[in-house]
Amino acid sequence: MTLHYSRNPNPRLAVAVARHLSVPIEFVFAAPFAPGQAERYLSLNPSLSIPILEEEGRRSLWEADAIACRLSRLSGTGFWRTDEDEPDMIRWLSWGKANFVRACDMVHFEYGTKQRYGIGPVDAARVEEGLKTFRQSAGILEIELKARPFLLDSGLSYADFRMASFLPFNDVAGLPLIDYPAVYAWYRRLEVLPAWSDPFAGLDAPSLPFAPLAAERGALLPPEPRE
């Protein structure tokens, strides 16, 4: 079984899931849009996007959520819930993609993706729209996460990984996560997990291109206090 990945948000998410679940898998760095690479990946995913999971005897699987579901089933852990908690988990996946995750993506795209790959200047209106959605959705998460350490009452699940999928890139996006103490504490709990904090440990994973505006953005986590 092979997982084609890169350091971008959704491939990072898939690698973190595989590492967290200790699924035996081969990790292969991929760059489908690099010169001469498209033909290799078109048969695996017609959109050329990664992550892509190759598994003997099965069709290639793409999209991070689908891959996480498959890996969770293979691991037998219930990280992707299949019991009475499944509707609650799916609720958070759906809500997050339309709200919190979407907001993080919008701001990161302007300050990160566009700057890394020379797509164009920052669109201030899109940033403001993303920040507005971030504040609204982070406020809802703040209320929810004051009541429990993770999104589900039963504990850590894939919903937490998906909701946080763009936060490892907040050194570039500069979203005001620390204005929401319960959300901030929730993310610090994820950062304790080695598979989340450094999913690429020991892998061939070239760094992302430099984002020129990174130095102008606020950091996700403030400096640790000195002794």
C-alpha atoms as a PDB file:
ATOM      1  CA  MET A   1       0.000   0.000   0.000  1.00  0.00           C
ATOM      2  CA  THR A   2       1.376   3.383  -1.030  1.00  0.00           C
ATOM      3  CA  LEU A   3       0.443   6.902   0.025  1.00  0.00           C
ATOM      4  CA  HIS A   4       1.493   9.655  -2.376  1.00  0.00           C
ATOM      5  CA  TYR A   5       1.935  12.871  -0.421  1.00  0.00           C
ATOM      6  CA  SER A   6       3.463  16.317  -0.170  1.00  0.00           C
ATOM      7  CA  ARG A   7       3.801  18.884   2.629  1.00  0.00           C
ATOM      8  CA  ASN A   8       0.641  20.772   1.628  1.00  0.00           C
ATOM      9  CA  PRO A   9      -2.356  20.737   4.017  1.00  0.00           C
ATOM     10  CA  ASN A  10      -4.474  17.829   2.771  1.00  0.00           C
ATOM     11  CA  PRO A  11      -1.560  15.482   2.001  1.00  0.00           C
ATOM     12  CA  ARG A  12      -0.108  16.387   5.416  1.00  0.00           C
ATOM     13  CA  LEU A  13      -3.416  15.415   6.965  1.00  0.00           C
ATOM     14  CA  ALA A  14      -3.367  12.004   5.284  1.00  0.00           C
ATOM     15  CA  VAL A  15       0.223  11.336   6.375  1.00  0.00           C
ATOM     16  CA  ALA A  16      -0.618  12.350   9.953  1.00  0.00           C
ATOM     17  CA  VAL A  17      -3.538   9.921  10.004  1.00  0.00           C
ATOM     18  CA  ALA A  18      -1.413   7.063   8.642  1.00  0.00           C
ATOM     19  CA  ARG A  19       1.325   7.785  11.176  1.00  0.00           C
ATOM     20  CA  HIS A  20      -1.113   8.160  14.070  1.00  0.00           C
ATOM     21  CA  LEU A  21      -2.766   4.831  13.248  1.00  0.00           C
ATOM     22  CA  SER A  22       0.571   3.063  12.617  1.00  0.00           C
ATOM     23  CA  VAL A  23      -0.728   1.628   9.345  1.00  0.00           C
ATOM     24  CA  PRO A  24       2.008  -0.262   7.448  1.00  0.00           C
ATOM     25  CA  ILE A  25       2.362   1.841   4.341  1.00  0.00           C
ATOM     26  CA  GLU A  26       4.939   3.151   1.900  1.00  0.00           C
ATOM     27  CA  PHE A  27       5.162   6.931   1.715  1.00  0.00           C
ATOM     28  CA  VAL A  28       6.104   8.385  -1.665  1.00  0.00           C
ATOM     29  CA  PHE A  29       6.641  12.097  -2.150  1.00  0.00           C
ATOM     30  CA  ALA A  30       4.665  13.313  -5.171  1.00  0.00           C
ATOM     31  CA  ALA A  31       4.540  16.448  -7.315  1.00  0.00           C
ATOM     32  CA  PRO A  32       1.959  15.713 -10.039  1.00  0.00           C
ATOM     33  CA  PHE A  33       2.072  19.249 -11.429  1.00  0.00           C
ATOM     34  CA  ALA A  34       5.845  19.268 -11.846  1.00  0.00           C
ATOM     35  CA  PRO A  35       7.121  19.071 -15.441  1.00  0.00           C
ATOM     36  CA  GLY A  36       6.867  15.540 -16.807  1.00  0.00           C
ATOM     37  CA  GLN A  37       4.904  14.157 -13.855  1.00  0.00           C
ATOM     38  CA  ALA A  38       1.279  14.522 -14.972  1.00  0.00           C
ATOM     39  CA  GLU A  39       1.162  11.383 -17.110  1.00  0.00           C
ATOM     40  CA  ARG A  40       2.302   9.262 -14.187  1.00  0.00           C
ATOM     41  CA  TYR A  41      -0.536  10.433 -11.939  1.00  0.00           C
ATOM     42  CA  LEU A  42      -3.469  10.876 -14.321  1.00  0.00           C
ATOM     43  CA  SER A  43      -4.403   7.214 -14.052  1.00  0.00           C
ATOM     44  CA  LEU A  44      -4.409   7.488 -10.266  1.00  0.00           C
ATOM     45  CA  ASN A  45      -6.377  10.721  -9.976  1.00  0.00           C
ATOM     46  CA  PRO A  46      -7.710  12.615 -13.021  1.00  0.00           C
ATOM     47  CA  SER A  47      -7.539  15.897 -11.092  1.00  0.00           C
ATOM     48  CA  LEU A  48      -3.830  15.248 -10.315  1.00  0.00           C
ATOM     49  CA  SER A  49      -4.370  16.299  -6.713  1.00  0.00           C
ATOM     50  CA  ILE A  50      -2.837  14.458  -3.788  1.00  0.00           C
ATOM     51  CA  PRO A  51      -2.998  12.621  -1.420  1.00  0.00           C
ATOM     52  CA  ILE A  52      -3.545   9.394  -3.345  1.00  0.00           C
ATOM     53  CA  LEU A  53      -3.707   5.948  -1.775  1.00  0.00           C
ATOM     54  CA  GLU A  54      -2.686   2.958  -3.879  1.00  0.00           C
ATOM     55  CA  GLU A  55      -3.703  -0.444  -2.562  1.00  0.00           C
ATOM     56  CA  GLU A  56      -3.185  -3.725  -4.376  1.00  0.00           C
ATOM     57  CA  GLY A  57      -6.404  -5.126  -5.793  1.00  0.00           C
ATOM     58  CA  ARG A  58      -8.334  -1.894  -5.342  1.00  0.00           C
ATOM     59  CA  ARG A  59      -8.857   1.266  -7.340  1.00  0.00           C
ATOM     60  CA  SER A  60      -6.696   4.183  -6.281  1.00  0.00           C
ATOM     61  CA  LEU A  61      -8.331   6.291  -3.611  1.00  0.00           C
ATOM     62  CA  TRP A  62      -8.032  10.064  -3.487  1.00  0.00           C
ATOM     63  CA  GLU A  63      -9.300  12.836  -1.203  1.00  0.00           C
ATOM     64  CA  ALA A  64      -7.932  12.998   2.338  1.00  0.00           C
ATOM     65  CA  ASP A  65     -11.223  12.198   4.081  1.00  0.00           C
ATOM     66  CA  ALA A  66     -11.771   9.040   2.027  1.00  0.00           C
ATOM     67  CA  ILE A  67      -8.190   7.944   2.676  1.00  0.00           C
ATOM     68  CA  ALA A  68      -8.565   8.576   6.405  1.00  0.00           C
ATOM     69  CA  CYS A  69     -11.731   6.473   6.437  1.00  0.00           C
ATOM     70  CA  ARG A  70      -9.963   3.607   4.676  1.00  0.00           C
ATOM     71  CA  LEU A  71      -6.886   3.732   6.896  1.00  0.00           C
ATOM     72  CA  SER A  72      -9.007   3.831  10.036  1.00  0.00           C
ATOM     73  CA  ARG A  73     -10.904   0.729   8.928  1.00  0.00           C
ATOM     74  CA  LEU A  74      -7.656  -1.076   8.188  1.00  0.00           C
ATOM     75  CA  SER A  75      -6.294  -0.155  11.616  1.00  0.00           C
ATOM     76  CA  GLY A  76      -9.417  -1.300  13.453  1.00  0.00           C
ATOM     77  CA  THR A  77      -9.094   1.614  15.859  1.00  0.00           C
ATOM     78  CA  GLY A  78     -12.333   3.498  15.324  1.00  0.00           C
ATOM     79  CA  PHE A  79     -10.434   6.728  14.701  1.00  0.00           C
ATOM     80  CA  TRP A  80     -13.053   7.232  12.002  1.00  0.00           C
ATOM     81  CA  ARG A  81     -16.097   6.391  14.072  1.00  0.00           C
ATOM     82  CA  THR A  82     -18.452   3.685  12.800  1.00  0.00           C
ATOM     83  CA  ASP A  83     -20.577   3.404  15.953  1.00  0.00           C
ATOM     84  CA  GLU A  84     -23.185   5.697  17.489  1.00  0.00           C
ATOM     85  CA  ASP A  85     -20.673   8.571  17.348  1.00  0.00           C
ATOM     86  CA  GLU A  86     -20.397   8.474  13.566  1.00  0.00           C
ATOM     87  CA  PRO A  87     -23.189  11.024  12.899  1.00  0.00           C
ATOM     88  CA  ASP A  88     -21.602  13.447  15.389  1.00  0.00           C
ATOM     89  CA  MET A  89     -18.203  13.016  13.758  1.00  0.00           C
ATOM     90  CA  ILE A  90     -19.649  13.582  10.279  1.00  0.00           C
ATOM     91  CA  ARG A  91     -21.470  16.652  11.583  1.00  0.00           C
ATOM     92  CA  TRP A  92     -18.122  18.186  12.520  1.00  0.00           C
ATOM     93  CA  LEU A  93     -16.512  17.192   9.222  1.00  0.00           C
ATOM     94  CA  SER A  94     -19.342  18.813   7.288  1.00  0.00           C
ATOM     95  CA  TRP A  95     -19.576  21.927   9.457  1.00  0.00           C
ATOM     96  CA  GLY A  96     -15.812  22.380   9.548  1.00  0.00           C
ATOM     97  CA  LYS A  97     -15.389  22.250   5.784  1.00  0.00           C
ATOM     98  CA  ALA A  98     -18.115  24.866   5.348  1.00  0.00           C
ATOM     99  CA  ASN A  99     -16.945  27.094   8.195  1.00  0.00           C
ATOM    100  CA  PHE A 100     -13.758  26.831  10.302  1.00  0.00           C
ATOM    101  CA  VAL A 101     -11.637  24.816   7.854  1.00  0.00           C
ATOM    102  CA  ARG A 102     -12.904  26.908   4.956  1.00  0.00           C
ATOM    103  CA  ALA A 103     -11.966  30.109   6.763  1.00  0.00           C
ATOM    104  CA  CYS A 104      -8.458  28.843   7.523  1.00  0.00           C
ATOM    105  CA  ASP A 105      -8.073  27.742   3.905  1.00  0.00           C
ATOM    106  CA  MET A 106      -9.178  31.119   2.535  1.00  0.00           C
ATOM    107  CA  VAL A 107      -6.610  33.080   4.532  1.00  0.00           C
ATOM    108  CA  HIS A 108      -3.853  30.527   4.055  1.00  0.00           C
ATOM    109  CA  PHE A 109      -4.450  30.512   0.289  1.00  0.00           C
ATOM    110  CA  GLU A 110      -3.833  34.256   0.107  1.00  0.00           C
ATOM    111  CA  TYR A 111      -0.792  34.445   2.402  1.00  0.00           C
ATOM    112  CA  GLY A 112       0.600  30.967   1.795  1.00  0.00           C
ATOM    113  CA  THR A 113      -0.339  29.177  -1.427  1.00  0.00           C
ATOM    114  CA  LYS A 114      -0.450  32.232  -3.688  1.00  0.00           C
ATOM    115  CA  GLN A 115       2.854  33.560  -2.370  1.00  0.00           C
ATOM    116  CA  ARG A 116       4.653  30.207  -2.432  1.00  0.00           C
ATOM    117  CA  TYR A 117       3.714  29.497  -6.043  1.00  0.00           C
ATOM    118  CA  GLY A 118       3.575  33.011  -7.502  1.00  0.00           C
ATOM    119  CA  ILE A 119      -0.150  32.850  -8.248  1.00  0.00           C
ATOM    120  CA  GLY A 120      -0.770  36.539  -7.615  1.00  0.00           C
ATOM    121  CA  PRO A 121      -1.007  39.281  -4.982  1.00  0.00           C
ATOM    122  CA  VAL A 122      -2.943  38.956  -1.756  1.00  0.00           C
ATOM    123  CA  ASP A 123      -6.648  39.677  -2.202  1.00  0.00           C
ATOM    124  CA  ALA A 124      -7.451  41.785   0.863  1.00  0.00           C
ATOM    125  CA  ALA A 125     -11.204  41.308   0.444  1.00  0.00           C
ATOM    126  CA  ARG A 126     -10.819  37.512   0.489  1.00  0.00           C
ATOM    127  CA  VAL A 127      -8.610  37.740   3.563  1.00  0.00           C
ATOM    128  CA  GLU A 128     -11.215  39.835   5.355  1.00  0.00           C
ATOM    129  CA  GLU A 129     -13.965  37.410   4.368  1.00  0.00           C
ATOM    130  CA  GLY A 130     -11.864  34.531   5.663  1.00  0.00           C
ATOM    131  CA  LEU A 131     -11.122  36.320   8.931  1.00  0.00           C
ATOM    132  CA  LYS A 132     -14.802  37.097   9.441  1.00  0.00           C
ATOM    133  CA  THR A 133     -15.744  33.451   8.932  1.00  0.00           C
ATOM    134  CA  PHE A 134     -12.864  32.391  11.165  1.00  0.00           C
ATOM    135  CA  ARG A 135     -14.043  34.585  14.016  1.00  0.00           C
ATOM    136  CA  GLN A 136     -17.621  33.362  13.697  1.00  0.00           C
ATOM    137  CA  SER A 137     -16.712  29.686  13.562  1.00  0.00           C
ATOM    138  CA  ALA A 138     -13.933  29.884  16.167  1.00  0.00           C
ATOM    139  CA  GLY A 139     -16.487  31.456  18.514  1.00  0.00           C
ATOM    140  CA  ILE A 140     -18.736  28.419  18.093  1.00  0.00           C
ATOM    141  CA  LEU A 141     -15.820  26.026  18.615  1.00  0.00           C
ATOM    142  CA  GLU A 142     -14.805  27.980  21.711  1.00  0.00           C
ATOM    143  CA  ILE A 143     -18.162  27.239  23.337  1.00  0.00           C
ATOM    144  CA  GLU A 144     -18.057  23.572  22.344  1.00  0.00           C
ATOM    145  CA  LEU A 145     -14.455  22.966  23.418  1.00  0.00           C
ATOM    146  CA  LYS A 146     -14.932  24.533  26.830  1.00  0.00           C
ATOM    147  CA  ALA A 147     -17.063  21.495  27.628  1.00  0.00           C
ATOM    148  CA  ARG A 148     -14.669  18.731  26.524  1.00  0.00           C
ATOM    149  CA  PRO A 149     -11.076  18.254  25.359  1.00  0.00           C
ATOM    150  CA  PHE A 150     -11.952  17.090  21.820  1.00  0.00           C
ATOM    151  CA  LEU A 151     -14.844  17.533  19.414  1.00  0.00           C
ATOM    152  CA  LEU A 152     -16.535  14.243  20.345  1.00  0.00           C
ATOM    153  CA  ASP A 153     -17.537  13.280  23.869  1.00  0.00           C
ATOM    154  CA  SER A 154     -15.805   9.943  23.291  1.00  0.00           C
ATOM    155  CA  GLY A 155     -12.428  11.571  22.700  1.00  0.00           C
ATOM    156  CA  LEU A 156      -9.958  12.114  19.889  1.00  0.00           C
ATOM    157  CA  SER A 157     -11.244  11.291  16.406  1.00  0.00           C
ATOM    158  CA  TYR A 158     -10.596  12.107  12.782  1.00  0.00           C
ATOM    159  CA  ALA A 159     -12.904  15.106  13.219  1.00  0.00           C
ATOM    160  CA  ASP A 160     -10.182  16.785  15.304  1.00  0.00           C
ATOM    161  CA  PHE A 161      -7.498  16.145  12.703  1.00  0.00           C
ATOM    162  CA  ARG A 162      -9.701  17.456   9.878  1.00  0.00           C
ATOM    163  CA  MET A 163     -10.779  20.546  11.819  1.00  0.00           C
ATOM    164  CA  ALA A 164      -7.131  21.396  12.519  1.00  0.00           C
ATOM    165  CA  SER A 165      -5.821  20.583   9.048  1.00  0.00           C
ATOM    166  CA  PHE A 166      -4.701  24.138   8.175  1.00  0.00           C
ATOM    167  CA  LEU A 167      -3.452  25.168  11.617  1.00  0.00           C
ATOM    168  CA  PRO A 168       0.080  23.768  11.205  1.00  0.00           C
ATOM    169  CA  PHE A 169       0.468  26.476   8.534  1.00  0.00           C
ATOM    170  CA  ASN A 170      -0.652  29.345  10.731  1.00  0.00           C
ATOM    171  CA  ASP A 171       2.867  30.718  10.951  1.00  0.00           C
ATOM    172  CA  VAL A 172       2.053  31.968   7.446  1.00  0.00           C
ATOM    173  CA  ALA A 173      -1.686  32.636   7.731  1.00  0.00           C
ATOM    174  CA  GLY A 174      -1.499  34.391  11.095  1.00  0.00           C
ATOM    175  CA  LEU A 175      -5.045  33.613  12.217  1.00  0.00           C
ATOM    176  CA  PRO A 176      -5.775  34.867  15.773  1.00  0.00           C
ATOM    177  CA  LEU A 177      -6.164  31.432  17.350  1.00  0.00           C
ATOM    178  CA  ILE A 178      -4.898  32.594  20.733  1.00  0.00           C
ATOM    179  CA  ASP A 179      -7.941  34.868  21.038  1.00  0.00           C
ATOM    180  CA  TYR A 180      -9.950  31.677  21.660  1.00  0.00           C
ATOM    181  CA  PRO A 181      -8.438  29.963  24.733  1.00  0.00           C
ATOM    182  CA  ALA A 182     -10.419  26.715  24.543  1.00  0.00           C
ATOM    183  CA  VAL A 183      -9.686  26.316  20.826  1.00  0.00           C
ATOM    184  CA  TYR A 184      -6.051  27.162  21.474  1.00  0.00           C
ATOM    185  CA  ALA A 185      -5.854  24.542  24.259  1.00  0.00           C
ATOM    186  CA  TRP A 186      -7.505  21.960  22.007  1.00  0.00           C
ATOM    187  CA  TYR A 187      -4.886  22.539  19.329  1.00  0.00           C
ATOM    188  CA  ARG A 188      -2.085  22.288  21.876  1.00  0.00           C
ATOM    189  CA  ARG A 189      -3.442  18.840  22.796  1.00  0.00           C
ATOM    190  CA  LEU A 190      -3.109  17.805  19.160  1.00  0.00           C
ATOM    191  CA  GLU A 191       0.416  19.210  19.004  1.00  0.00           C
ATOM    192  CA  VAL A 192       1.466  16.768  21.735  1.00  0.00           C
ATOM    193  CA  LEU A 193       0.815  13.872  19.340  1.00  0.00           C
ATOM    194  CA  PRO A 194       4.050  13.070  17.442  1.00  0.00           C
ATOM    195  CA  ALA A 195       2.109  12.008  14.324  1.00  0.00           C
ATOM    196  CA  TRP A 196       0.469  15.418  14.230  1.00  0.00           C
ATOM    197  CA  SER A 197       3.336  17.663  15.259  1.00  0.00           C
ATOM    198  CA  ASP A 198       5.862  16.057  12.880  1.00  0.00           C
ATOM    199  CA  PRO A 199       4.174  13.635  10.459  1.00  0.00           C
ATOM    200  CA  PHE A 200       7.114  13.788   8.047  1.00  0.00           C
ATOM    201  CA  ALA A 201       9.749  12.601  10.525  1.00  0.00           C
ATOM    202  CA  GLY A 202      12.179  10.363   8.664  1.00  0.00           C
ATOM    203  CA  LEU A 203      10.445  10.835   5.297  1.00  0.00           C
ATOM    204  CA  ASP A 204      11.701  12.364   2.074  1.00  0.00           C
ATOM    205  CA  ALA A 205       9.648  15.540   2.243  1.00  0.00           C
ATOM    206  CA  PRO A 206      11.192  18.610   0.606  1.00  0.00           C
ATOM    207  CA  SER A 207      10.229  21.865   2.257  1.00  0.00           C
ATOM    208  CA  LEU A 208       7.492  24.000   0.777  1.00  0.00           C
ATOM    209  CA  PRO A 209       8.608  27.048  -1.208  1.00  0.00           C
ATOM    210  CA  PHE A 210       9.215  30.152   0.878  1.00  0.00           C
ATOM    211  CA  ALA A 211       6.182  32.383   1.422  1.00  0.00           C
ATOM    212  CA  PRO A 212       7.538  35.968   1.141  1.00  0.00           C
ATOM    213  CA  LEU A 213       4.934  37.467   3.472  1.00  0.00           C
ATOM    214  CA  ALA A 214       5.454  34.888   6.238  1.00  0.00           C
ATOM    215  CA  ALA A 215       7.530  37.216   8.385  1.00  0.00           C
ATOM    216  CA  GLU A 216       4.658  39.704   8.453  1.00  0.00           C
ATOM    217  CA  ARG A 217       2.129  37.229   9.829  1.00  0.00           C
ATOM    218  CA  GLY A 218       1.469  36.472  13.497  1.00  0.00           C
ATOM    219  CA  ALA A 219       2.519  33.065  14.800  1.00  0.00           C
ATOM    220  CA  LEU A 220       0.042  30.373  15.756  1.00  0.00           C
ATOM    221  CA  LEU A 221       1.597  29.761  19.136  1.00  0.00           C
ATOM    222  CA  PRO A 222       3.213  32.492  21.258  1.00  0.00           C
ATOM    223  CA  PRO A 223       6.772  31.966  22.502  1.00  0.00           C
ATOM    224  CA  GLU A 224       7.083  29.709  25.526  1.00  0.00           C
ATOM    225  CA  PRO A 225       7.723  31.718  28.715  1.00  0.00           C
ATOM    226  CA  ARG A 226      11.341  31.784  29.834  1.00  0.00           C
ATOM    227  CA  GLU A 227      12.309  30.262  33.144  1.00  0.00           C
END
